[in-house]
């Protein structure tokens, strides 16, 4: 594990959050990135493997314990370099979901999402 990733995991644990690591070697294109995020957050089997479904699952998280969930995506630069359009689309969904589950977001349960890109 890289030092940056370890540091983010340590920070999450220190504040009582649940870290979820995206496998950096699996984010080579849109499909593999969606799969890697789904695996990191243990998405249910009904995940539709598209951007709308990604947003829906990211703003639900009901299958995970209450609290803050930190999605750590080191190596996001790989997708950014290989497929900039896919990277921007995924980042946009991650940002929108993080905002929706933030303190001023529109979700009311006790689950929060924080997205960290340490590279």
Protein backbone atom coordinates (compact mmCIF):
# COMPACT_ATOMS: atom_id res chain seq x y z
CA UNK A 1 0.00 0.00 0.00
CA UNK A 2 1.37 3.41 -0.94
CA UNK A 3 2.16 5.89 1.83
CA UNK A 4 -0.53 8.29 0.56
CA UNK A 5 -3.16 5.57 0.60
CA UNK A 6 -2.05 4.31 4.03
CA UNK A 7 -2.23 7.86 5.37
CA UNK A 8 -5.80 8.29 4.10
CA UNK A 9 -6.82 4.93 5.60
CA UNK A 10 -5.25 5.91 8.93
CA UNK A 11 -7.06 9.28 8.87
CA UNK A 12 -10.39 7.57 8.19
CA UNK A 13 -9.92 5.07 11.01
CA UNK A 14 -8.81 7.84 13.40
CA UNK A 15 -12.11 9.66 12.98
CA UNK A 16 -14.19 6.48 13.17
CA UNK A 17 -14.93 6.30 9.44
CA UNK A 18 -15.03 3.21 7.25
CA UNK A 19 -12.33 3.29 4.53
CA UNK A 20 -13.02 1.64 1.18
CA UNK A 21 -10.07 1.22 -1.19
CA UNK A 22 -10.40 1.15 -4.95
CA UNK A 23 -7.95 -1.23 -6.57
CA UNK A 24 -5.80 1.16 -8.63
CA UNK A 25 -4.91 -1.53 -11.15
CA UNK A 26 -8.56 -2.01 -12.07
CA UNK A 27 -9.48 1.52 -13.15
CA UNK A 28 -8.35 1.38 -16.77
CA UNK A 29 -11.62 2.32 -18.48
CA UNK A 30 -15.21 3.20 -17.58
CA UNK A 31 -16.39 -0.40 -17.13
CA UNK A 32 -13.47 -1.49 -14.96
CA UNK A 33 -13.71 1.68 -12.88
CA UNK A 34 -17.41 1.12 -12.20
CA UNK A 35 -16.63 -2.48 -11.24
CA UNK A 36 -13.79 -1.39 -8.92
CA UNK A 37 -15.98 1.17 -7.15
CA UNK A 38 -18.78 -1.38 -6.82
CA UNK A 39 -16.37 -3.89 -5.32
CA UNK A 40 -14.80 -1.37 -2.93
CA UNK A 41 -18.22 -0.38 -1.55
CA UNK A 42 -19.76 -3.88 -1.75
CA UNK A 43 -22.57 -2.71 -4.04
CA UNK A 44 -25.58 -5.03 -4.18
CA UNK A 45 -26.02 -7.35 -7.14
CA UNK A 46 -28.63 -5.11 -8.71
CA UNK A 47 -26.03 -2.40 -9.48
CA UNK A 48 -26.66 -1.48 -13.12
CA UNK A 49 -23.03 -0.70 -14.06
CA UNK A 50 -23.72 2.74 -15.52
CA UNK A 51 -23.32 6.29 -14.23
CA UNK A 52 -26.94 6.68 -13.14
CA UNK A 53 -26.77 3.43 -11.19
CA UNK A 54 -23.44 4.52 -9.70
CA UNK A 55 -25.03 7.69 -8.36
CA UNK A 56 -28.04 5.78 -7.03
CA UNK A 57 -25.86 3.31 -5.13
CA UNK A 58 -23.45 5.97 -3.86
CA UNK A 59 -26.31 7.98 -2.42
CA UNK A 60 -27.98 4.96 -0.81
CA UNK A 61 -25.29 2.86 0.95
CA UNK A 62 -28.04 1.24 3.07
CA UNK A 63 -26.23 -2.13 2.96
CA UNK A 64 -23.25 -0.55 4.78
CA UNK A 65 -23.14 0.34 8.47
CA UNK A 66 -24.15 3.86 9.51
CA UNK A 67 -21.41 6.47 9.63
CA UNK A 68 -18.91 8.02 7.28
CA UNK A 69 -17.64 5.94 4.38
CA UNK A 70 -14.41 7.11 2.78
CA UNK A 71 -13.85 6.00 -0.81
CA UNK A 72 -10.10 6.17 -1.46
CA UNK A 73 -9.12 6.09 -5.12
CA UNK A 74 -5.39 6.29 -5.47
CA UNK A 75 -4.34 5.79 -9.04
CA UNK A 76 -7.24 7.77 -10.47
CA UNK A 77 -4.64 9.39 -12.73
CA UNK A 78 -4.49 6.16 -14.74
CA UNK A 79 -8.08 6.60 -15.92
CA UNK A 80 -7.60 10.36 -16.31
CA UNK A 81 -4.70 9.71 -18.71
CA UNK A 82 -6.24 6.77 -20.58
CA UNK A 83 -9.78 8.08 -20.94
CA UNK A 84 -10.22 11.70 -19.83
CA UNK A 85 -13.93 11.77 -20.70
CA UNK A 86 -14.66 8.68 -18.60
CA UNK A 87 -12.58 10.10 -15.75
CA UNK A 88 -14.49 13.39 -15.78
CA UNK A 89 -17.84 11.59 -15.90
CA UNK A 90 -16.98 9.33 -12.95
CA UNK A 91 -15.50 12.23 -10.96
CA UNK A 92 -18.63 14.25 -11.57
CA UNK A 93 -20.83 11.45 -10.21
CA UNK A 94 -18.54 10.96 -7.21
CA UNK A 95 -18.63 14.70 -6.47
CA UNK A 96 -22.42 14.88 -6.83
CA UNK A 97 -22.89 11.87 -4.54
CA UNK A 98 -20.48 13.25 -1.96
CA UNK A 99 -22.40 16.53 -1.99
CA UNK A 100 -25.75 14.72 -1.64
CA UNK A 101 -24.48 12.80 1.39
CA UNK A 102 -22.75 15.81 2.94
CA UNK A 103 -24.01 17.90 5.86
CA UNK A 104 -26.11 20.13 3.61
CA UNK A 105 -27.12 17.34 1.22
CA UNK A 106 -30.58 15.98 0.54
CA UNK A 107 -30.11 12.57 2.22
CA UNK A 108 -31.33 12.22 5.77
CA UNK A 109 -29.90 8.93 7.04
CA UNK A 110 -26.70 8.63 9.05
CA UNK A 111 -24.46 7.54 6.19
CA UNK A 112 -21.96 9.98 4.73
CA UNK A 113 -19.66 9.65 1.73
CA UNK A 114 -16.23 11.19 1.44
CA UNK A 115 -14.21 10.72 -1.73
CA UNK A 116 -10.42 11.00 -1.56
CA UNK A 117 -8.03 10.98 -4.52
CA UNK A 118 -4.59 10.98 -2.89
CA UNK A 119 -2.60 11.20 -6.13
